[in-house]
Amino acid sequence: MRLLLLLPTATYRAAAFVEAARRLGVDLTVASEQPSAFQDANPAGLVTLDLSHPDHAARQAHAFARAQRAQQLHGVVGVDDDTAVAAAAIAAELGLLGNPVAAARAARGKHEQRTILAAAGVPVPRFTLHRLDEDPHLIAARAPFPCVVKPLRLSASRGVIRADTPAQFVRAFERLRRILSEPEAAACGEPARHALVEEYVSGSEYALEGLLVAGELRVLALFDKPDPLEGPYFEETIYVTPSRLAGSAQAQIAACAQRAATALGLTEGPVHAELRYNERGPWLIELAARPIGGRCSSALRFEPGSVSLEELVLRHALQMELPSLERERRAAGVMMIPVSRAGMLREVRGVEAARVVPLVEGVEITAYPGQVLVPWPEGSRYPGFIFARGDTVEGVETALRAAHRHLEFVVDAD
């Protein structure tokens, strides 16, 4: 069997999906938005697609499939928000398993998603949409404080800022305006000219990893986020699973995520949902039609035989038999190493000491010497990840924090 894997050139995800395909004995055609130097030598395995324009990418994929009749495509997978839309368009074009294109687009756009979910009665924060050329003083006069200012299209909480007063709101709005004027963000087009303003929802935050099969949400894991995400910025750090939340509350969170997926029209494939839970129950903050980002999926293993999340995603896309979808019995966690200081990275000290902390399974430094580290809200890339496993969630969390204390990122400040 052959799968078309949509991999942007800047993604962390390549190795995990390539390994999953190897374990399954599946051939891969890797599609990126930029041509590979090896494309001519491996015409069935590499292809260039216009991933930022899903309809065009679908036509290109159709042409590729016709040219490679001996290498028929049996499935397609996107690994992030943008490629999830392209994957849906390609699936529709080639008759493969996938989400409706409109549903994938709605999941990608924060305002469209909010509008659909609110109309369906899914609990979401109150929100308003504003153009960036509006006067922030006038918006602040009507804003519900505390509130959150956020972009429509950026990921990893980039540009998301909490404001508790009108003065803070004006500064946050102008800061987001600067972020969205940067070339990478401005390339989003019309979404980069708008901002969402929504009420701040208090409570603990959770991340749900799931797989939609014929519209039914199969919950793969529920992560606690033990570090409070109260702002003013929302850089994430630790995820641990299984959740320590009461079973009844976990069921409410799963039901909320199912309602959201149904309202958006999503039916097939991975979903990653961010929710808050307080005395009023669960609140859907965001639902994406993709697996968990970065290298965080390494924290997840499934029975039998330590099946990876990527293997589950590939199996589903190819309509292969799925295993039990039961997560391993041990507790697991990941720390997305925060950016503590802006500047050019010189070196990272203490990595070996961090790796030998009991329960720690890996310390992966993804930043490189000479790279400029950018804190949130302007930044969106973590300099590395720490992974741990153990008998208890408490032990895993303690190990992640202990390993992090050994690390020192030496930077030349701006």
Protein backbone atom coordinates (compact mmCIF):
# COMPACT_ATOMS: atom_id res chain seq x y z
CA MET A 1 0.00 0.00 0.00
CA ARG A 2 1.14 3.56 -0.63
CA LEU A 3 0.25 6.66 1.38
CA LEU A 4 0.61 10.31 0.41
CA LEU A 5 2.08 12.14 3.40
CA LEU A 6 1.87 15.94 3.37
CA LEU A 7 4.96 17.22 5.17
CA PRO A 8 5.80 20.94 5.20
CA THR A 9 9.56 21.46 5.04
CA ALA A 10 9.61 23.09 8.51
CA THR A 11 7.80 20.30 10.35
CA TYR A 12 9.13 18.23 13.27
CA ARG A 13 7.00 15.26 12.20
CA ALA A 14 8.89 13.60 9.35
CA ALA A 15 10.88 10.98 11.28
CA ALA A 16 7.93 9.70 13.34
CA PHE A 17 5.69 9.17 10.30
CA VAL A 18 8.48 7.61 8.21
CA GLU A 19 9.21 5.16 11.04
CA ALA A 20 5.49 4.36 11.40
CA ALA A 21 5.26 3.59 7.68
CA ARG A 22 8.35 1.37 7.91
CA ARG A 23 6.84 -0.62 10.77
CA LEU A 24 3.62 -1.10 8.82
CA GLY A 25 5.37 -2.01 5.59
CA VAL A 26 3.70 0.93 3.85
CA ASP A 27 5.30 2.81 0.95
CA LEU A 28 5.34 6.58 1.29
CA THR A 29 5.07 9.39 -1.18
CA VAL A 30 6.16 12.52 0.68
CA ALA A 31 4.71 15.80 -0.55
CA SER A 32 6.23 19.15 0.41
CA GLU A 33 5.69 22.69 -0.79
CA GLN A 34 9.29 22.93 -2.00
CA PRO A 35 10.96 20.55 -4.47
CA SER A 36 13.49 18.04 -3.23
CA ALA A 37 16.90 17.60 -4.81
CA PHE A 38 16.16 13.85 -4.90
CA GLN A 39 12.74 14.12 -6.57
CA ASP A 40 13.96 13.11 -10.03
CA ALA A 41 15.73 10.06 -8.60
CA ASN A 42 12.62 8.95 -6.69
CA PRO A 43 9.60 10.12 -8.70
CA ALA A 44 7.16 7.83 -6.88
CA GLY A 45 8.42 8.77 -3.42
CA LEU A 46 8.68 12.56 -3.61
CA VAL A 47 6.38 15.17 -5.06
CA THR A 48 5.96 18.95 -4.82
CA LEU A 49 2.42 20.21 -4.08
CA ASP A 50 1.06 23.70 -3.50
CA LEU A 51 0.04 22.93 0.08
CA SER A 52 -1.05 26.49 0.82
CA HIS A 53 -3.74 26.25 -1.90
CA PRO A 54 -5.66 23.00 -1.26
CA ASP A 55 -7.68 22.99 -4.49
CA HIS A 56 -4.51 23.39 -6.55
CA ALA A 57 -2.76 20.74 -4.48
CA ALA A 58 -5.64 18.35 -5.15
CA ARG A 59 -5.33 18.85 -8.92
CA GLN A 60 -1.58 18.36 -8.71
CA ALA A 61 -2.07 15.16 -6.68
CA HIS A 62 -4.53 13.90 -9.28
CA ALA A 63 -2.02 14.51 -12.04
CA PHE A 64 0.67 12.76 -10.00
CA ALA A 65 -1.60 9.77 -9.40
CA ARG A 66 -2.32 9.46 -13.13
CA ALA A 67 1.40 9.59 -13.92
CA GLN A 68 2.17 6.94 -11.30
CA ARG A 69 -0.48 4.36 -12.12
CA ALA A 70 1.83 1.55 -11.06
CA GLN A 71 2.11 3.20 -7.63
CA GLN A 72 -1.55 3.70 -6.71
CA LEU A 73 -2.29 5.93 -3.70
CA HIS A 74 -4.43 4.34 -0.99
CA GLY A 75 -4.54 7.13 1.60
CA VAL A 76 -3.51 10.69 2.41
CA VAL A 77 -2.50 12.31 5.71
CA GLY A 78 -1.74 15.92 6.65
CA VAL A 79 0.30 16.63 9.75
CA ASP A 80 -0.67 20.22 10.65
CA ASP A 81 -3.56 22.68 10.33
CA ASP A 82 -2.82 23.77 6.76
CA THR A 83 -2.00 20.34 5.38
CA ALA A 84 -5.16 18.94 7.03
CA VAL A 85 -7.16 21.08 4.59
CA ALA A 86 -5.00 20.03 1.65
CA ALA A 87 -5.38 16.37 2.69
CA ALA A 88 -9.17 16.75 2.73
CA ALA A 89 -9.15 18.27 -0.76
CA ILE A 90 -6.86 15.53 -2.10
CA ALA A 91 -8.98 12.80 -0.49
CA ALA A 92 -12.08 14.20 -2.17
CA GLU A 93 -10.28 14.45 -5.53
CA LEU A 94 -8.90 10.89 -5.41
CA GLY A 95 -11.79 9.17 -3.61
CA LEU A 96 -9.76 8.43 -0.48
CA LEU A 97 -10.85 8.42 3.17
CA GLY A 98 -10.89 11.92 4.63
CA ASN A 99 -12.84 14.81 6.07
CA PRO A 100 -15.10 17.08 4.02
CA VAL A 101 -13.06 20.03 2.80
CA ALA A 102 -15.47 22.53 4.38
CA ALA A 103 -15.08 20.82 7.76
CA ALA A 104 -11.29 20.90 7.59
CA ARG A 105 -11.38 24.59 6.64
CA ALA A 106 -13.72 25.36 9.53
CA ALA A 107 -11.42 23.58 11.98
CA ARG A 108 -8.44 25.60 10.73
CA GLY A 109 -10.08 29.05 10.98
CA LYS A 110 -10.55 30.19 14.57
CA HIS A 111 -13.39 32.62 13.82
CA GLU A 112 -15.29 30.23 11.57
CA GLN A 113 -14.84 27.48 14.14
CA ARG A 114 -16.09 29.71 16.97
CA THR A 115 -19.12 30.79 14.93
CA ILE A 116 -20.14 27.22 14.05
CA LEU A 117 -19.63 25.89 17.57
CA ALA A 118 -21.52 28.74 19.22
CA ALA A 119 -24.46 28.22 16.85
CA ALA A 120 -24.47 24.51 17.72
CA GLY A 121 -24.53 25.22 21.45
CA VAL A 122 -21.01 23.95 22.14
CA PRO A 123 -19.64 25.89 25.14
CA VAL A 124 -17.07 28.34 23.77
CA PRO A 125 -15.93 31.75 25.01
CA ARG A 126 -17.90 34.80 23.88
CA PHE A 127 -16.03 36.37 20.98
CA THR A 128 -15.96 39.22 18.48
CA LEU A 129 -14.01 39.62 15.24
CA HIS A 130 -12.09 42.82 14.52
CA ARG A 131 -9.92 44.21 11.75
CA LEU A 132 -6.41 45.14 12.77
CA ASP A 133 -6.85 48.63 11.38
CA GLU A 134 -9.62 49.37 13.90
CA ASP A 135 -8.94 51.68 16.82
CA PRO A 136 -8.06 49.42 19.79
CA HIS A 137 -9.26 52.09 22.25
CA LEU A 138 -12.79 51.79 20.83
CA ILE A 139 -12.68 47.98 20.95
CA ALA A 140 -11.39 48.10 24.55
CA ALA A 141 -14.39 50.18 25.56
CA ARG A 142 -16.65 47.19 24.70
CA ALA A 143 -14.34 44.29 25.58
CA PRO A 144 -15.25 41.81 28.36
CA PHE A 145 -12.41 41.89 30.89
CA PRO A 146 -10.44 39.79 31.41
CA CYS A 147 -10.22 38.94 27.73
CA VAL A 148 -7.85 37.33 25.25
CA VAL A 149 -6.64 38.76 21.95
CA LYS A 150 -5.62 36.13 19.42
CA PRO A 151 -4.83 35.69 15.71
CA LEU A 152 -7.07 33.66 13.41
CA ARG A 153 -4.47 31.36 11.92
CA LEU A 154 -1.20 31.11 13.89
CA SER A 155 -0.45 28.00 15.96
CA ALA A 156 1.26 27.11 19.26
CA SER A 157 -0.34 30.09 21.06
CA ARG A 158 1.74 32.54 19.04
CA GLY A 159 0.22 36.01 19.36
CA VAL A 160 -2.28 35.01 22.06
CA ILE A 161 -2.30 37.65 24.81
CA ARG A 162 -4.50 38.20 27.86
CA ALA A 163 -5.62 41.71 28.85
CA ASP A 164 -7.23 42.66 32.17
CA THR A 165 -7.63 46.40 31.59
CA PRO A 166 -8.25 48.75 28.64
CA ALA A 167 -4.61 49.90 28.71
CA GLN A 168 -3.37 46.30 28.59
CA PHE A 169 -5.80 45.59 25.77
CA VAL A 170 -4.47 48.42 23.63
CA ARG A 171 -0.89 47.22 24.13
CA ALA A 172 -1.88 43.61 23.38
CA PHE A 173 -3.77 44.57 20.22
CA GLU A 174 -0.87 46.65 18.92
CA ARG A 175 1.59 43.86 19.75
CA LEU A 176 -0.51 41.34 17.82
CA ARG A 177 -0.68 43.81 14.93
CA ARG A 178 3.14 43.83 14.81
CA ILE A 179 3.32 40.04 14.97
CA LEU A 180 0.87 39.66 12.09
CA SER A 181 2.82 42.16 10.00
CA GLU A 182 5.86 39.85 9.96
CA PRO A 183 6.31 38.19 6.53
CA GLU A 184 5.62 34.62 7.68
CA ALA A 185 2.37 35.59 9.40
CA ALA A 186 1.31 38.09 6.74
CA ALA A 187 1.56 35.31 4.16
CA CYS A 188 -1.71 33.94 5.59
CA GLY A 189 -3.47 36.72 3.66
CA GLU A 190 -6.85 37.96 4.83
CA PRO A 191 -6.79 36.08 8.18
CA ALA A 192 -3.63 38.04 9.09
CA ARG A 193 -5.64 41.27 8.90
CA HIS A 194 -8.04 40.29 11.67
CA ALA A 195 -8.02 39.39 15.36
CA LEU A 196 -10.38 37.60 17.69
CA VAL A 197 -11.27 39.13 21.04
CA GLU A 198 -12.81 36.63 23.42
CA GLU A 199 -13.61 36.38 27.07
CA TYR A 200 -11.00 34.71 29.24
CA VAL A 201 -12.26 31.38 30.56
CA SER A 202 -10.83 30.42 33.95
CA GLY A 203 -10.10 26.87 35.02
CA SER A 204 -7.61 24.08 34.47
CA GLU A 205 -6.66 23.25 30.90
CA TYR A 206 -6.57 19.84 29.26
CA ALA A 207 -5.55 18.44 25.88
CA LEU A 208 -7.53 15.62 24.30
CA GLU A 209 -6.01 13.42 21.64
CA GLY A 210 -8.53 11.47 19.61
CA LEU A 211 -9.29 9.63 16.41
CA LEU A 212 -12.53 10.06 14.47
CA VAL A 213 -13.82 6.87 12.87
CA ALA A 214 -16.99 7.33 10.80
CA GLY A 215 -17.81 10.39 12.90
CA GLU A 216 -17.32 8.68 16.28
CA LEU A 217 -14.62 10.14 18.52
CA ARG A 218 -12.31 7.54 20.03
CA VAL A 219 -10.43 9.20 22.88
CA LEU A 220 -6.77 8.13 22.78
CA ALA A 221 -5.49 10.20 25.71
CA LEU A 222 -6.44 13.09 27.95
CA PHE A 223 -3.50 15.18 29.11
CA ASP A 224 -3.40 17.33 32.24
CA LYS A 225 -1.53 20.63 31.94
CA PRO A 226 -0.32 21.07 35.53
CA ASP A 227 1.27 24.49 34.97
CA PRO A 228 -1.43 27.20 35.15
CA LEU A 229 -2.07 28.88 31.80
CA GLU A 230 -3.37 32.21 33.05
CA GLY A 231 -1.44 34.60 30.81
CA PRO A 232 -0.54 37.16 29.86
CA TYR A 233 1.01 34.73 27.36
CA PHE A 234 0.18 31.07 26.86
CA GLU A 235 3.38 29.16 26.19
CA GLU A 236 2.69 25.55 27.11
CA THR A 237 5.07 23.39 29.11
CA ILE A 238 4.08 20.05 30.68
CA TYR A 239 1.55 17.47 29.44
CA VAL A 240 0.96 14.36 31.57
CA THR A 241 -1.41 11.43 31.14
CA PRO A 242 -3.55 9.71 32.37
CA SER A 243 -5.50 12.68 33.62
CA ARG A 244 -6.08 13.08 37.34
CA LEU A 245 -9.48 14.63 36.66
CA ALA A 246 -12.51 12.75 37.99
CA GLY A 247 -14.00 10.21 35.60
CA SER A 248 -17.30 12.05 35.29
CA ALA A 249 -15.48 15.26 34.32
CA GLN A 250 -13.38 13.38 31.79
CA ALA A 251 -16.57 12.02 30.23
CA GLN A 252 -17.94 15.57 29.97
CA ILE A 253 -14.76 16.73 28.22
CA ALA A 254 -14.94 13.84 25.75
CA ALA A 255 -18.62 14.58 25.06
CA CYS A 256 -17.81 18.26 24.48
CA ALA A 257 -15.08 17.37 21.98
CA GLN A 258 -17.45 14.96 20.19
CA ARG A 259 -20.11 17.67 19.92
CA ALA A 260 -17.53 20.07 18.52
CA ALA A 261 -16.27 17.62 15.90
CA THR A 262 -19.83 16.80 14.85
CA ALA A 263 -20.79 20.47 14.62
CA LEU A 264 -17.79 21.21 12.41
CA GLY A 265 -18.58 18.24 10.18
CA LEU A 266 -15.37 16.34 10.88
CA THR A 267 -15.76 12.59 10.38
CA GLU A 268 -12.37 10.92 9.89
CA GLY A 269 -8.85 11.07 11.26
CA PRO A 270 -6.95 12.58 14.16
CA VAL A 271 -8.19 15.46 16.29
CA HIS A 272 -6.39 17.48 18.92
CA ALA A 273 -8.61 19.51 21.25
CA GLU A 274 -7.75 22.09 23.88
CA LEU A 275 -10.36 22.50 26.60
CA ARG A 276 -10.79 24.20 29.95
CA TYR A 277 -12.82 22.85 32.83
CA ASN A 278 -14.36 24.87 35.66
CA GLU A 279 -17.43 24.87 37.92
CA ARG A 280 -19.63 25.28 34.82
CA GLY A 281 -18.15 22.26 33.06
CA PRO A 282 -15.96 21.95 29.94
CA TRP A 283 -15.23 24.76 27.48
CA LEU A 284 -13.93 24.09 24.00
CA ILE A 285 -10.98 26.42 23.39
CA GLU A 286 -9.83 24.92 20.10
CA LEU A 287 -10.21 21.75 18.05
CA ALA A 288 -7.81 20.88 15.24
CA ALA A 289 -8.17 18.19 12.58
CA ARG A 290 -4.62 16.92 13.09
CA PRO A 291 -2.54 15.01 15.63
CA ILE A 292 -0.73 16.66 18.54
CA GLY A 293 2.05 18.99 17.39
CA GLY A 294 5.81 19.06 17.72
CA ARG A 295 7.38 15.87 19.01
CA CYS A 296 4.82 15.45 21.78
CA SER A 297 3.36 12.32 20.17
CA SER A 298 6.40 10.41 21.45
CA ALA A 299 4.73 10.48 24.88
CA LEU A 300 1.96 8.22 23.55
CA ARG A 301 2.14 4.46 23.10
CA PHE A 302 -0.75 2.09 22.53
CA GLU A 303 -1.40 -1.60 23.04
CA PRO A 304 -0.46 -4.09 21.87
CA GLY A 305 3.27 -3.73 21.34
CA SER A 306 3.95 -0.02 21.85
CA VAL A 307 2.09 1.20 18.79
CA SER A 308 2.78 4.87 18.05
CA LEU A 309 0.19 7.57 17.43
CA GLU A 310 1.52 7.93 13.89
CA GLU A 311 0.90 4.22 13.25
CA LEU A 312 -2.73 4.65 14.31
CA VAL A 313 -3.14 7.65 12.01
CA LEU A 314 -1.64 5.79 9.03
CA ARG A 315 -3.67 2.65 9.70
CA HIS A 316 -6.88 4.65 9.79
CA ALA A 317 -6.10 6.62 6.62
CA LEU A 318 -5.34 3.38 4.75
CA GLN A 319 -8.44 1.68 6.23
CA MET A 320 -6.29 -0.99 7.80
CA GLU A 321 -7.41 -2.85 10.90
CA LEU A 322 -7.03 -0.73 14.04
CA PRO A 323 -5.63 -2.16 17.28
CA SER A 324 -7.42 -1.71 20.58
CA LEU A 325 -6.61 2.05 20.82
CA GLU A 326 -5.87 1.47 24.51
CA ARG A 327 -3.00 3.58 25.79
CA GLU A 328 -0.22 1.78 27.66
CA ARG A 329 -0.80 1.38 31.40
CA ARG A 330 2.18 3.45 32.53
CA ALA A 331 1.90 7.18 33.10
CA ALA A 332 3.69 9.34 30.56
CA GLY A 333 4.51 12.97 30.01
CA VAL A 334 6.33 15.50 27.90
CA MET A 335 7.75 18.91 28.67
CA MET A 336 7.92 21.41 25.84
CA ILE A 337 11.01 23.25 27.04
CA PRO A 338 10.12 26.92 27.46
CA VAL A 339 12.11 29.78 25.98
CA SER A 340 13.35 31.64 29.04
CA ARG A 341 15.41 34.29 27.28
CA ALA A 342 15.55 35.84 23.82
CA GLY A 343 18.77 35.76 21.85
CA MET A 344 21.09 33.65 19.72
CA LEU A 345 21.74 30.21 21.16
CA ARG A 346 25.40 29.47 21.90
CA GLU A 347 25.12 26.12 23.66
CA VAL A 348 22.92 23.95 25.88
CA ARG A 349 24.47 22.67 29.10
CA GLY A 350 23.31 19.88 31.40
CA VAL A 351 21.73 17.64 28.76
CA GLU A 352 23.47 14.47 29.93
CA ALA A 353 22.56 15.18 33.55
CA ALA A 354 18.94 15.67 32.52
CA ARG A 355 18.92 12.38 30.62
CA VAL A 356 19.92 10.32 33.66
CA VAL A 357 17.15 11.64 35.91
CA PRO A 358 15.08 8.60 37.00
CA LEU A 359 12.01 8.02 34.78
CA VAL A 360 13.31 10.33 32.04
CA GLU A 361 13.34 8.50 28.69
CA GLY A 362 14.69 11.20 26.46
CA VAL A 363 15.86 14.78 26.13
CA GLU A 364 15.70 16.07 22.57
CA ILE A 365 17.20 19.49 21.88
CA THR A 366 15.80 20.69 18.57
CA ALA A 367 17.37 24.17 18.64
CA TYR A 368 20.88 24.52 17.20
CA PRO A 369 23.80 26.86 17.95
CA GLY A 370 23.28 30.08 16.06
CA GLN A 371 19.50 29.82 16.13
CA VAL A 372 17.65 32.83 17.51
CA LEU A 373 15.33 31.86 20.36
CA VAL A 374 12.15 33.91 20.53
CA PRO A 375 9.92 33.87 23.64
CA TRP A 376 6.13 33.97 23.45
CA PRO A 377 3.96 35.67 22.26
CA GLU A 378 6.18 36.45 19.27
CA GLY A 379 7.71 32.96 19.30
CA SER A 380 6.17 29.58 18.54
CA ARG A 381 9.04 27.09 18.44
CA TYR A 382 10.24 25.19 21.47
CA PRO A 383 14.00 24.57 21.76
CA GLY A 384 13.46 20.97 22.80
CA PHE A 385 11.41 18.31 24.54
CA ILE A 386 11.79 16.09 27.63
CA PHE A 387 9.97 12.74 27.89
CA ALA A 388 9.32 10.60 30.96
CA ARG A 389 7.42 7.45 31.93
CA GLY A 390 6.63 5.90 35.29
CA ASP A 391 4.09 4.22 37.50
CA THR A 392 2.38 7.46 38.56
CA VAL A 393 1.56 10.78 36.96
CA GLU A 394 3.04 12.54 39.99
CA GLY A 395 6.35 10.75 39.52
CA VAL A 396 6.44 11.60 35.81
CA GLU A 397 5.74 15.26 36.46
CA THR A 398 8.43 15.41 39.13
CA ALA A 399 10.96 13.80 36.77
CA LEU A 400 10.21 16.29 33.98
CA ARG A 401 10.71 19.24 36.31
CA ALA A 402 13.92 17.76 37.75
CA ALA A 403 15.38 17.18 34.29
CA HIS A 404 14.50 20.70 33.21
CA ARG A 405 16.37 22.16 36.18
CA HIS A 406 19.59 20.64 34.84
CA LEU A 407 19.31 22.43 31.50
CA GLU A 408 20.94 25.77 30.84
CA PHE A 409 20.43 27.53 27.51
CA VAL A 410 23.34 29.91 26.97
CA VAL A 411 22.28 32.73 24.67
CA ASP A 412 23.72 35.99 23.44
CA ALA A 413 21.00 38.47 24.29
CA ASP A 414 19.64 40.76 21.59
